C-alpha atoms as a PDB file:
ATOM      1  CA  MET A   1     -55.208   1.301  32.691  1.00  0.00           C
ATOM      2  CA  LYS A   2     -58.950   3.091  32.464  1.00  0.00           C
ATOM      3  CA  LYS A   3     -57.781   4.926  36.259  1.00  0.00           C
ATOM      4  CA  VAL A   4     -54.254   5.969  34.741  1.00  0.00           C
ATOM      5  CA  PHE A   5     -56.199   7.680  31.849  1.00  0.00           C
ATOM      6  CA  ILE A   6     -58.374   9.359  34.446  1.00  0.00           C
ATOM      7  CA  ILE A   7     -55.616  10.830  36.447  1.00  0.00           C
ATOM      8  CA  MET A   8     -53.601  11.993  33.302  1.00  0.00           C
ATOM      9  CA  THR A   9     -57.149  13.484  32.266  1.00  0.00           C
ATOM     10  CA  LEU A  10     -57.652  15.590  35.636  1.00  0.00           C
ATOM     11  CA  ILE A  11     -53.828  16.474  35.636  1.00  0.00           C
ATOM     12  CA  PHE A  12     -54.321  17.923  32.342  1.00  0.00           C
ATOM     13  CA  ILE A  13     -57.234  19.961  33.018  1.00  0.00           C
ATOM     14  CA  VAL A  14     -55.903  21.185  36.471  1.00  0.00           C
ATOM     15  CA  THR A  15     -52.482  22.429  34.667  1.00  0.00           C
ATOM     16  CA  GLY A  16     -54.384  23.536  31.569  1.00  0.00           C
ATOM     17  CA  CYS A  17     -56.668  25.872  33.691  1.00  0.00           C
ATOM     18  CA  LYS A  18     -53.580  27.266  35.370  1.00  0.00           C
ATOM     19  CA  SER A  19     -53.793  30.678  33.540  1.00  0.00           C
ATOM     20  CA  LEU A  20     -57.285  31.454  34.850  1.00  0.00           C
ATOM     21  CA  PHE A  21     -56.489  31.548  38.548  1.00  0.00           C
ATOM     22  CA  THR A  22     -54.327  34.442  40.518  1.00  0.00           C
ATOM     23  CA  TYR A  23     -51.831  33.517  43.011  1.00  0.00           C
ATOM     24  CA  GLU A  24     -54.723  33.365  45.292  1.00  0.00           C
ATOM     25  CA  ASN A  25     -55.978  30.980  42.997  1.00  0.00           C
ATOM     26  CA  GLU A  26     -59.068  33.159  42.421  1.00  0.00           C
ATOM     27  CA  LYS A  27     -60.613  33.232  39.211  1.00  0.00           C
ATOM     28  CA  ILE A  28     -60.455  35.933  36.572  1.00  0.00           C
ATOM     29  CA  GLU A  29     -62.748  36.822  33.799  1.00  0.00           C
ATOM     30  CA  TYR A  30     -61.233  39.487  31.663  1.00  0.00           C
ATOM     31  CA  LEU A  31     -63.481  41.856  29.914  1.00  0.00           C
ATOM     32  CA  LYS A  32     -63.798  42.085  26.241  1.00  0.00           C
ATOM     33  CA  GLY A  33     -65.151  44.798  24.208  1.00  0.00           C
ATOM     34  CA  LYS A  34     -65.109  48.941  24.652  1.00  0.00           C
ATOM     35  CA  TYR A  35     -66.084  50.472  27.908  1.00  0.00           C
ATOM     36  CA  ASN A  36     -67.042  54.271  28.375  1.00  0.00           C
ATOM     37  CA  VAL A  37     -66.747  56.288  31.165  1.00  0.00           C
ATOM     38  CA  GLU A  38     -67.152  59.714  32.357  1.00  0.00           C
ATOM     39  CA  MET A  39     -64.531  61.209  34.867  1.00  0.00           C
ATOM     40  CA  LYS A  40     -65.608  64.758  36.905  1.00  0.00           C
ATOM     41  CA  ILE A  41     -62.894  67.246  38.028  1.00  0.00           C
ATOM     42  CA  LYS A  42     -64.296  69.319  40.813  1.00  0.00           C
ATOM     43  CA  ASP A  43     -64.420  72.865  38.999  1.00  0.00           C
ATOM     44  CA  TYR A  44     -62.782  71.884  35.965  1.00  0.00           C
ATOM     45  CA  GLY A  45     -65.663  69.625  34.042  1.00  0.00           C
ATOM     46  CA  ILE A  46     -66.177  66.347  32.740  1.00  0.00           C
ATOM     47  CA  ILE A  47     -64.067  64.082  30.744  1.00  0.00           C
ATOM     48  CA  GLU A  48     -64.864  61.042  28.669  1.00  0.00           C
ATOM     49  CA  MET A  49     -62.995  57.723  27.930  1.00  0.00           C
ATOM     50  CA  GLU A  50     -63.206  54.862  25.867  1.00  0.00           C
ATOM     51  CA  LEU A  51     -61.525  51.433  27.378  1.00  0.00           C
ATOM     52  CA  ASP A  52     -60.654  48.699  25.089  1.00  0.00           C
ATOM     53  CA  ALA A  53     -60.754  45.432  26.735  1.00  0.00           C
ATOM     54  CA  ASP A  54     -59.987  43.842  23.283  1.00  0.00           C
ATOM     55  CA  VAL A  55     -56.319  45.287  23.484  1.00  0.00           C
ATOM     56  CA  ALA A  56     -55.793  45.534  27.326  1.00  0.00           C
ATOM     57  CA  PRO A  57     -58.033  43.100  29.109  1.00  0.00           C
ATOM     58  CA  ILE A  58     -55.797  42.751  32.161  1.00  0.00           C
ATOM     59  CA  THR A  59     -56.059  46.623  32.173  1.00  0.00           C
ATOM     60  CA  VAL A  60     -59.342  47.655  31.837  1.00  0.00           C
ATOM     61  CA  THR A  61     -60.924  45.131  34.135  1.00  0.00           C
ATOM     62  CA  ASN A  62     -58.666  45.890  36.581  1.00  0.00           C
ATOM     63  CA  PHE A  63     -60.062  49.714  36.048  1.00  0.00           C
ATOM     64  CA  MET A  64     -63.490  48.771  35.599  1.00  0.00           C
ATOM     65  CA  ASN A  65     -63.481  46.974  38.923  1.00  0.00           C
ATOM     66  CA  LEU A  66     -61.816  50.039  40.557  1.00  0.00           C
ATOM     67  CA  VAL A  67     -64.557  52.166  39.087  1.00  0.00           C
ATOM     68  CA  LYS A  68     -67.340  49.832  40.639  1.00  0.00           C
ATOM     69  CA  GLU A  69     -65.629  49.731  43.747  1.00  0.00           C
ATOM     70  CA  GLU A  70     -65.783  54.037  43.875  1.00  0.00           C
ATOM     71  CA  PHE A  71     -61.900  53.868  44.457  1.00  0.00           C
ATOM     72  CA  TYR A  72     -61.563  56.938  42.638  1.00  0.00           C
ATOM     73  CA  ASN A  73     -64.467  59.000  43.729  1.00  0.00           C
ATOM     74  CA  GLY A  74     -62.681  61.738  45.981  1.00  0.00           C
ATOM     75  CA  ASN A  75     -59.414  60.599  44.922  1.00  0.00           C
ATOM     76  CA  THR A  76     -57.047  63.277  42.931  1.00  0.00           C
ATOM     77  CA  ILE A  77     -54.941  64.264  40.061  1.00  0.00           C
ATOM     78  CA  HIS A  78     -52.129  64.424  41.915  1.00  0.00           C
ATOM     79  CA  ARG A  79     -49.389  64.813  38.620  1.00  0.00           C
ATOM     80  CA  VAL A  80     -49.339  67.556  35.861  1.00  0.00           C
ATOM     81  CA  MET A  81     -46.738  68.128  33.017  1.00  0.00           C
ATOM     82  CA  LYS A  82     -47.900  70.840  30.926  1.00  0.00           C
ATOM     83  CA  ASP A  83     -47.038  69.496  27.458  1.00  0.00           C
ATOM     84  CA  PHE A  84     -47.064  66.016  28.387  1.00  0.00           C
ATOM     85  CA  VAL A  85     -49.571  64.254  30.786  1.00  0.00           C
ATOM     86  CA  ILE A  86     -52.402  64.436  33.771  1.00  0.00           C
ATOM     87  CA  GLN A  87     -51.923  61.707  36.322  1.00  0.00           C
ATOM     88  CA  GLY A  88     -54.065  60.575  39.064  1.00  0.00           C
ATOM     89  CA  GLY A  89     -55.340  57.673  41.106  1.00  0.00           C
ATOM     90  CA  THR A  90     -53.182  57.253  43.826  1.00  0.00           C
ATOM     91  CA  ASP A  91     -53.704  54.140  46.478  1.00  0.00           C
ATOM     92  CA  ILE A  92     -53.006  55.773  49.719  1.00  0.00           C
ATOM     93  CA  SER A  93     -53.503  52.435  51.643  1.00  0.00           C
ATOM     94  CA  ASN A  94     -51.501  50.604  49.600  1.00  0.00           C
ATOM     95  CA  THR A  95     -53.995  47.630  49.550  1.00  0.00           C
ATOM     96  CA  HIS A  96     -54.929  47.314  45.829  1.00  0.00           C
ATOM     97  CA  LYS A  97     -52.928  44.379  43.834  1.00  0.00           C
ATOM     98  CA  GLU A  98     -50.399  45.031  40.921  1.00  0.00           C
ATOM     99  CA  ILE A  99     -51.522  43.918  37.702  1.00  0.00           C
ATOM    100  CA  LYS A 100     -49.565  42.693  34.488  1.00  0.00           C
ATOM    101  CA  GLY A 101     -48.506  45.598  32.247  1.00  0.00           C
ATOM    102  CA  GLU A 102     -49.833  44.854  28.623  1.00  0.00           C
ATOM    103  CA  PHE A 103     -46.725  46.432  26.439  1.00  0.00           C
ATOM    104  CA  ASP A 104     -44.407  44.891  24.104  1.00  0.00           C
ATOM    105  CA  ALA A 105     -41.076  45.079  26.440  1.00  0.00           C
ATOM    106  CA  ASN A 106     -43.655  42.850  28.861  1.00  0.00           C
ATOM    107  CA  GLY A 107     -44.112  40.249  26.166  1.00  0.00           C
ATOM    108  CA  VAL A 108     -47.858  41.769  25.192  1.00  0.00           C
ATOM    109  CA  SER A 109     -48.617  43.344  21.817  1.00  0.00           C
ATOM    110  CA  ASN A 110     -50.244  46.584  22.504  1.00  0.00           C
ATOM    111  CA  ASP A 111     -51.165  48.907  19.241  1.00  0.00           C
ATOM    112  CA  ILE A 112     -52.391  51.815  21.546  1.00  0.00           C
ATOM    113  CA  SER A 113     -49.821  54.408  20.571  1.00  0.00           C
ATOM    114  CA  HIS A 114     -49.350  57.432  23.468  1.00  0.00           C
ATOM    115  CA  VAL A 115     -50.896  60.215  21.381  1.00  0.00           C
ATOM    116  CA  ARG A 116     -52.916  63.286  22.517  1.00  0.00           C
ATOM    117  CA  GLY A 117     -55.792  61.854  24.414  1.00  0.00           C
ATOM    118  CA  THR A 118     -54.263  57.957  25.233  1.00  0.00           C
ATOM    119  CA  VAL A 119     -55.216  56.726  28.432  1.00  0.00           C
ATOM    120  CA  SER A 120     -52.542  54.681  29.923  1.00  0.00           C
ATOM    121  CA  MET A 121     -51.401  52.904  32.935  1.00  0.00           C
ATOM    122  CA  ALA A 122     -48.638  54.499  35.345  1.00  0.00           C
ATOM    123  CA  ARG A 123     -46.373  52.325  36.838  1.00  0.00           C
ATOM    124  CA  ALA A 124     -43.299  52.245  38.942  1.00  0.00           C
ATOM    125  CA  GLY A 125     -39.848  51.331  37.507  1.00  0.00           C
ATOM    126  CA  ASP A 126     -38.245  52.768  34.176  1.00  0.00           C
ATOM    127  CA  GLN A 127     -37.790  51.597  30.658  1.00  0.00           C
ATOM    128  CA  ASN A 128     -36.136  48.328  31.971  1.00  0.00           C
ATOM    129  CA  SER A 129     -38.133  47.480  34.742  1.00  0.00           C
ATOM    130  CA  GLY A 130     -41.318  47.542  36.572  1.00  0.00           C
ATOM    131  CA  PHE A 131     -43.190  46.166  33.967  1.00  0.00           C
ATOM    132  CA  ASP A 132     -45.984  44.441  36.665  1.00  0.00           C
ATOM    133  CA  THR A 133     -46.133  47.158  38.942  1.00  0.00           C
ATOM    134  CA  ALA A 134     -49.415  49.065  37.592  1.00  0.00           C
ATOM    135  CA  SER A 135     -52.146  49.231  40.418  1.00  0.00           C
ATOM    136  CA  THR A 136     -54.655  52.020  40.232  1.00  0.00           C
ATOM    137  CA  GLN A 137     -52.777  55.067  38.854  1.00  0.00           C
ATOM    138  CA  PHE A 138     -53.579  56.173  35.510  1.00  0.00           C
ATOM    139  CA  PHE A 139     -52.384  58.904  33.124  1.00  0.00           C
ATOM    140  CA  ILE A 140     -54.007  60.908  30.198  1.00  0.00           C
ATOM    141  CA  VAL A 141     -51.701  62.230  27.325  1.00  0.00           C
ATOM    142  CA  GLN A 142     -51.971  66.052  26.773  1.00  0.00           C
ATOM    143  CA  LYS A 143     -49.542  65.974  24.005  1.00  0.00           C
ATOM    144  CA  ASP A 144     -48.093  63.130  21.698  1.00  0.00           C
ATOM    145  CA  SER A 145     -45.615  61.359  23.747  1.00  0.00           C
ATOM    146  CA  THR A 146     -45.084  57.982  21.455  1.00  0.00           C
ATOM    147  CA  PHE A 147     -41.624  57.427  23.298  1.00  0.00           C
ATOM    148  CA  LEU A 148     -43.953  55.652  25.925  1.00  0.00           C
ATOM    149  CA  ASP A 149     -45.160  53.087  23.405  1.00  0.00           C
ATOM    150  CA  HIS A 150     -43.950  49.665  24.276  1.00  0.00           C
ATOM    151  CA  TYR A 151     -43.420  50.286  27.497  1.00  0.00           C
ATOM    152  CA  TYR A 152     -46.697  51.659  29.477  1.00  0.00           C
ATOM    153  CA  ALA A 153     -50.275  50.082  28.933  1.00  0.00           C
ATOM    154  CA  GLY A 154     -52.285  52.164  27.055  1.00  0.00           C
ATOM    155  CA  PHE A 155     -55.890  51.026  27.160  1.00  0.00           C
ATOM    156  CA  GLY A 156     -58.191  53.850  26.028  1.00  0.00           C
ATOM    157  CA  LYS A 157     -58.786  57.234  24.653  1.00  0.00           C
ATOM    158  CA  VAL A 158     -60.616  60.385  25.707  1.00  0.00           C
ATOM    159  CA  THR A 159     -63.605  60.904  23.482  1.00  0.00           C
ATOM    160  CA  LYS A 160     -64.924  64.377  25.137  1.00  0.00           C
ATOM    161  CA  GLY A 161     -62.835  66.628  27.605  1.00  0.00           C
ATOM    162  CA  MET A 162     -59.885  67.209  26.049  1.00  0.00           C
ATOM    163  CA  ASP A 163     -60.229  70.965  26.852  1.00  0.00           C
ATOM    164  CA  VAL A 164     -60.403  70.160  30.205  1.00  0.00           C
ATOM    165  CA  VAL A 165     -57.018  68.456  30.692  1.00  0.00           C
ATOM    166  CA  ASP A 166     -55.783  71.439  28.281  1.00  0.00           C
ATOM    167  CA  LYS A 167     -57.376  73.712  31.132  1.00  0.00           C
ATOM    168  CA  ILE A 168     -55.923  71.710  34.380  1.00  0.00           C
ATOM    169  CA  CYS A 169     -52.333  71.689  32.498  1.00  0.00           C
ATOM    170  CA  ASN A 170     -52.544  75.430  31.814  1.00  0.00           C
ATOM    171  CA  SER A 171     -54.009  75.989  35.448  1.00  0.00           C
ATOM    172  CA  ILE A 172     -51.579  74.326  37.790  1.00  0.00           C
ATOM    173  CA  LYS A 173     -48.687  76.581  38.565  1.00  0.00           C
ATOM    174  CA  SER A 174     -46.964  74.886  41.744  1.00  0.00           C
ATOM    175  CA  SER A 175     -45.454  71.556  40.594  1.00  0.00           C
ATOM    176  CA  ASP A 176     -41.750  70.574  40.802  1.00  0.00           C
ATOM    177  CA  GLU A 177     -39.815  68.638  37.594  1.00  0.00           C
ATOM    178  CA  ASN A 178     -41.691  66.021  37.750  1.00  0.00           C
ATOM    179  CA  GLY A 179     -45.222  67.290  37.707  1.00  0.00           C
ATOM    180  CA  THR A 180     -45.928  66.760  41.615  1.00  0.00           C
ATOM    181  CA  ILE A 181     -48.111  69.541  42.740  1.00  0.00           C
ATOM    182  CA  MET A 182     -47.158  71.224  45.657  1.00  0.00           C
ATOM    183  CA  ASP A 183     -49.833  73.183  46.870  1.00  0.00           C
ATOM    184  CA  ASP A 184     -52.699  71.252  48.443  1.00  0.00           C
ATOM    185  CA  ASP A 185     -54.960  73.652  47.021  1.00  0.00           C
ATOM    186  CA  GLU A 186     -54.217  73.345  43.713  1.00  0.00           C
ATOM    187  CA  VAL A 187     -54.782  69.723  43.530  1.00  0.00           C
ATOM    188  CA  PRO A 188     -57.655  69.081  41.095  1.00  0.00           C
ATOM    189  CA  LEU A 189     -60.355  66.580  42.777  1.00  0.00           C
ATOM    190  CA  ILE A 190     -62.023  63.579  40.882  1.00  0.00           C
ATOM    191  CA  GLU A 191     -65.249  63.963  42.079  1.00  0.00           C
ATOM    192  CA  TYR A 192     -65.892  60.448  40.295  1.00  0.00           C
ATOM    193  CA  ILE A 193     -65.583  58.372  37.813  1.00  0.00           C
ATOM    194  CA  LYS A 194     -68.489  56.051  36.690  1.00  0.00           C
ATOM    195  CA  GLU A 195     -69.176  53.738  33.644  1.00  0.00           C
ATOM    196  CA  ILE A 196     -71.801  55.516  31.177  1.00  0.00           C
ATOM    197  CA  GLU A 197     -73.525  54.011  27.672  1.00  0.00           C
ATOM    198  CA  LYS A 198     -72.583  54.725  24.503  1.00  0.00           C
END
């Protein structure tokens, strides 16, 4: 009887901890609290952002890990749509994992609204698909776009530098209807994104 109890206890512990592991059986410790980062865009200026890991722990943990590995340094803002968003962080090598999007349509409560200055994760699909396809690309909302609420994982806000976002939106001339920048000379370069103290 004692052996049965021990075996049942071990089974409970293993299955009870399942949510702590990825598909590769790696332990994940999600961040909590607020994190501040600084993004320098060459020839444009600096944008400071506050990220909220209490609302979006999966997204913020993923983003901060990318910042720590200097993934964004030398990357670009590849999509600019005036009165909508700027978007960057393409993974050319396509080697980074996709994460669960934290928004209502994906079964996760997220009260960050997509108003001017909101930082959110880009993903594939539409309002009915691609819910777990966010990876490295993020966007900053230039003009209130609350129709994105419930379908995209907002995870922070710009605290300083929205004038830089406006300057980028007003400077790019050669973009298609989706905001893709057609002239390589116009593509804004992300010199770095780094964590800062506040």
